[in-house]
Protein backbone atom coordinates (compact mmCIF):
# COMPACT_ATOMS: atom_id res chain seq x y z
CA MET A 1 2.25 -1.44 -21.60
CA ASN A 2 -1.21 -1.28 -20.04
CA LEU A 3 -4.13 0.91 -21.18
CA PRO A 4 -3.81 3.67 -18.52
CA ASN A 5 -0.12 4.14 -19.37
CA LYS A 6 -0.96 4.26 -23.09
CA LEU A 7 -3.52 6.99 -22.38
CA THR A 8 -0.96 8.93 -20.36
CA LEU A 9 1.59 8.61 -23.17
CA MET A 10 -1.04 9.76 -25.65
CA ARG A 11 -1.55 12.89 -23.54
CA VAL A 12 2.20 13.58 -23.63
CA PHE A 13 2.28 13.15 -27.42
CA LEU A 14 -0.73 15.48 -27.86
CA ILE A 15 1.00 18.42 -26.13
CA PRO A 16 3.31 19.40 -29.04
CA PHE A 17 0.39 19.16 -31.46
CA PHE A 18 -1.69 21.40 -29.20
CA LEU A 19 1.13 23.96 -29.18
CA LEU A 20 1.61 23.66 -32.93
CA PHE A 21 -2.02 24.50 -33.66
CA MET A 22 -2.09 27.33 -31.12
CA TYR A 23 0.69 29.02 -33.11
CA LEU A 24 -0.02 27.77 -36.63
CA LYS A 25 -2.22 30.34 -38.35
CA CYS A 26 -4.21 27.94 -40.52
CA PRO A 27 -8.01 27.75 -40.84
CA LEU A 28 -9.68 26.59 -37.62
CA HIS A 29 -6.35 26.40 -35.77
CA TYR A 30 -7.86 27.34 -32.40
CA PHE A 31 -10.65 24.83 -32.91
CA ILE A 32 -8.14 22.06 -33.69
CA ALA A 33 -6.11 23.06 -30.62
CA LEU A 34 -9.35 22.91 -28.58
CA VAL A 35 -10.10 19.39 -29.82
CA ILE A 36 -6.53 18.27 -29.04
CA PHE A 37 -6.54 19.82 -25.58
CA SER A 38 -9.98 18.34 -24.81
CA ALA A 39 -8.80 14.89 -25.90
CA ALA A 40 -5.76 15.25 -23.65
CA ALA A 41 -7.98 16.36 -20.73
CA ILE A 42 -10.22 13.32 -21.27
CA THR A 43 -7.22 10.98 -21.12
CA ASP A 44 -6.32 12.68 -17.82
CA ALA A 45 -9.73 11.79 -16.41
CA LEU A 46 -9.66 8.24 -17.77
CA ASP A 47 -6.15 6.92 -17.13
CA GLY A 48 -6.20 7.12 -13.34
CA LYS A 49 -9.78 5.87 -13.11
CA ILE A 50 -9.02 2.83 -15.27
CA ALA A 51 -5.75 2.14 -13.43
CA ARG A 52 -7.48 2.12 -10.04
CA GLU A 53 -10.57 0.16 -11.14
CA ARG A 54 -8.58 -2.55 -12.94
CA ASN A 55 -5.67 -2.61 -10.48
CA LEU A 56 -3.24 -1.44 -13.20
CA VAL A 57 -1.36 1.17 -11.14
CA THR A 58 2.34 1.18 -12.09
CA ASN A 59 5.39 3.22 -11.10
CA PHE A 60 5.56 4.42 -14.72
CA GLY A 61 2.01 5.77 -14.42
CA LYS A 62 2.65 7.32 -11.02
CA PHE A 63 5.62 9.17 -12.51
CA LEU A 64 4.28 10.17 -15.92
CA ASP A 65 0.62 10.95 -15.18
CA PRO A 66 1.18 13.97 -12.91
CA LEU A 67 4.06 15.16 -15.11
CA ALA A 68 1.86 15.02 -18.23
CA ASP A 69 -0.89 16.98 -16.43
CA LYS A 70 1.53 19.68 -15.33
CA VAL A 71 3.14 20.09 -18.76
CA LEU A 72 -0.26 20.22 -20.50
CA VAL A 73 -1.65 22.92 -18.20
CA ILE A 74 1.55 24.98 -18.07
CA ALA A 75 1.88 24.81 -21.87
CA ALA A 76 -1.65 26.15 -22.33
CA LEU A 77 -1.21 28.94 -19.78
CA ALA A 78 2.15 29.94 -21.26
CA VAL A 79 0.57 30.26 -24.72
CA PHE A 80 -2.32 32.30 -23.29
CA VAL A 81 0.14 34.81 -21.81
CA GLU A 82 1.21 35.65 -25.37
CA LEU A 83 -2.33 36.08 -26.71
CA PRO A 84 -3.93 39.52 -26.48
CA GLU A 85 -7.40 37.90 -26.64
CA VAL A 86 -6.89 36.14 -23.30
CA ARG A 87 -6.69 38.65 -20.47
CA PHE A 88 -5.42 37.08 -17.29
CA GLY A 89 -1.71 37.63 -17.73
CA ALA A 90 1.26 35.75 -16.31
CA ILE A 91 0.34 35.72 -12.61
CA PRO A 92 -1.87 32.58 -12.82
CA LEU A 93 0.90 30.82 -14.74
CA ILE A 94 3.48 31.76 -12.10
CA ILE A 95 1.28 30.69 -9.15
CA ILE A 96 0.25 27.40 -10.76
CA THR A 97 3.82 26.60 -11.81
CA ALA A 98 5.17 27.42 -8.32
CA ARG A 99 2.56 25.16 -6.72
CA GLU A 100 3.47 22.31 -9.09
CA PHE A 101 7.19 22.66 -8.23
CA MET A 102 6.35 22.70 -4.51
CA VAL A 103 4.15 19.58 -4.70
CA SER A 104 6.74 17.78 -6.84
CA GLY A 105 9.39 18.60 -4.25
CA LEU A 106 7.15 17.33 -1.44
CA ARG A 107 6.50 14.12 -3.40
CA LEU A 108 10.26 13.64 -3.80
CA LEU A 109 10.90 14.15 -0.08
CA ALA A 110 8.01 11.84 0.75
CA ALA A 111 9.32 9.15 -1.59
CA ASN A 112 12.73 9.35 0.10
CA SER A 113 10.95 8.79 3.42
CA GLY A 114 8.90 5.89 2.05
CA VAL A 115 5.66 7.89 2.07
CA VAL A 116 3.31 7.96 -0.93
CA VAL A 117 1.64 11.34 -1.56
CA ALA A 118 -1.71 10.54 -3.14
CA ALA A 119 -3.71 13.12 -5.06
CA GLY A 120 -6.19 14.69 -2.67
CA MET A 121 -9.67 16.08 -3.26
CA TRP A 122 -8.39 19.68 -3.51
CA GLY A 123 -5.74 18.70 -6.05
CA LYS A 124 -8.28 16.87 -8.19
CA LEU A 125 -10.70 19.79 -7.95
CA LYS A 126 -7.91 22.21 -8.90
CA THR A 127 -6.98 20.12 -11.94
CA ALA A 128 -10.57 19.73 -13.11
CA PHE A 129 -11.36 23.43 -12.71
CA THR A 130 -8.15 24.47 -14.45
CA MET A 131 -9.02 22.22 -17.40
CA VAL A 132 -12.51 23.76 -17.53
CA ALA A 133 -11.07 27.30 -17.47
CA ILE A 134 -8.59 26.51 -20.26
CA ILE A 135 -11.23 24.76 -22.40
CA THR A 136 -13.59 27.73 -21.93
CA ALA A 137 -10.86 30.11 -23.13
CA LEU A 138 -10.16 27.85 -26.14
CA VAL A 139 -13.87 27.64 -27.02
CA TRP A 140 -14.03 31.44 -26.90
CA LEU A 141 -10.91 31.87 -29.04
CA SER A 142 -12.28 29.43 -31.59
CA ALA A 143 -15.77 30.97 -31.68
CA CYS A 144 -14.42 34.50 -32.17
CA ASN A 145 -11.41 33.84 -34.40
CA ASP A 146 -12.04 30.60 -36.30
CA PHE A 147 -15.77 30.92 -36.80
CA GLY A 148 -16.11 34.70 -36.55
CA ILE A 149 -19.37 34.52 -34.63
CA PRO A 150 -20.68 38.09 -34.32
CA PHE A 151 -21.40 38.25 -30.59
CA PRO A 152 -22.88 41.49 -29.23
CA GLU A 153 -20.18 43.81 -27.91
CA PRO A 154 -21.41 43.75 -24.26
CA PHE A 155 -21.25 39.94 -24.33
CA VAL A 156 -17.73 40.01 -25.78
CA ARG A 157 -16.60 42.42 -23.05
CA ALA A 158 -18.24 40.27 -20.37
CA VAL A 159 -16.52 37.09 -21.57
CA ASP A 160 -13.13 38.77 -22.15
CA ASN A 161 -13.03 40.84 -18.97
CA ILE A 162 -15.14 38.87 -16.49
CA ILE A 163 -16.04 35.26 -17.30
CA ILE A 164 -12.68 33.90 -18.49
CA PRO A 165 -10.58 35.82 -15.92
CA VAL A 166 -12.93 34.82 -13.08
CA LEU A 167 -12.74 31.15 -14.10
CA MET A 168 -8.95 31.35 -14.17
CA TRP A 169 -8.73 33.14 -10.81
CA ILE A 170 -11.01 30.53 -9.21
CA SER A 171 -8.57 27.97 -10.58
CA VAL A 172 -5.70 29.94 -9.03
CA ALA A 173 -7.52 30.06 -5.68
CA LEU A 174 -8.03 26.28 -5.79
CA THR A 175 -4.35 25.92 -6.70
CA ILE A 176 -3.31 27.90 -3.62
CA ILE A 177 -5.71 25.97 -1.36
CA SER A 178 -4.58 22.58 -2.65
CA GLY A 179 -0.93 23.61 -2.33
CA GLY A 180 -1.58 24.71 1.24
CA VAL A 181 -3.28 21.40 2.05
CA TYR A 182 -0.30 19.44 0.68
CA LEU A 183 2.15 21.67 2.55
CA LYS A 184 0.28 21.31 5.85
CA GLY A 185 -0.04 17.54 5.45
CA TYR A 186 3.64 16.99 4.69
CA TRP A 187 5.26 19.88 6.57
CA HIS A 188 7.03 17.41 8.86
CA LEU A 189 9.12 16.28 5.84
CA ILE A 190 10.67 19.73 5.48
CA ASP A 191 11.33 20.42 9.14
CA SER A 192 14.28 22.84 9.25
CA ASP A 193 15.74 21.03 12.26
CA LYS A 194 16.29 17.83 10.30
C-alpha cells in the first residue's frame, strides 16, 4: 500500500477516536478531539497532493479519499448539532450531506459512462473552508470548556452568535455553489429522456 493510501486509511481510523473524545467527558476531551480532527484534516490535504506529485493515484485512493472526507465532516457536524455551545443547528448538516449524496450519485453515473469526475476548484474550496469552520468551532469549545479561558462576555457572544455561524454558513454557501457547478457540468448524465 502506498503512502497516500496509508494517509487516507489513517484518516478513516481517526474518525471513531474523534467521536469518542467529543463524547467522552474526560479532561481536555475537546482539545484531544481538536488535535485528532486537525491531524485528519492534514492527511486530507497531503494524500491527494502526494499521490498526484509522485504518480501514486490508485482506484483504492479514488474511492476511499472522498468517502473519508465526507464521513469526517458529516461526523463533526452531526456531533455539533447535539452541542448547545455550537449554534448553527442541523440545516448545514442537511445541506452538506445532500450535496455529498448528489455528487456521489453523479460520480457513479459518470463512472458508468466512462467519465472521471475530478475534484474541481469549488469542491476543494468548500472542503478547505468547511475544515476551517469545524476547527474554529473545536478551538472555541476547547478554549471555553477544557481550559476555561475567561473571555469577556461580548466576545463570547460574538464568537457564539456571529463568528462560528458565519463561518459555517459561508461553508454552506460554498457547498451549494460547488454542488451547482458539478450538477451543471454533468447534467447530461441525468437527462430524463435517457
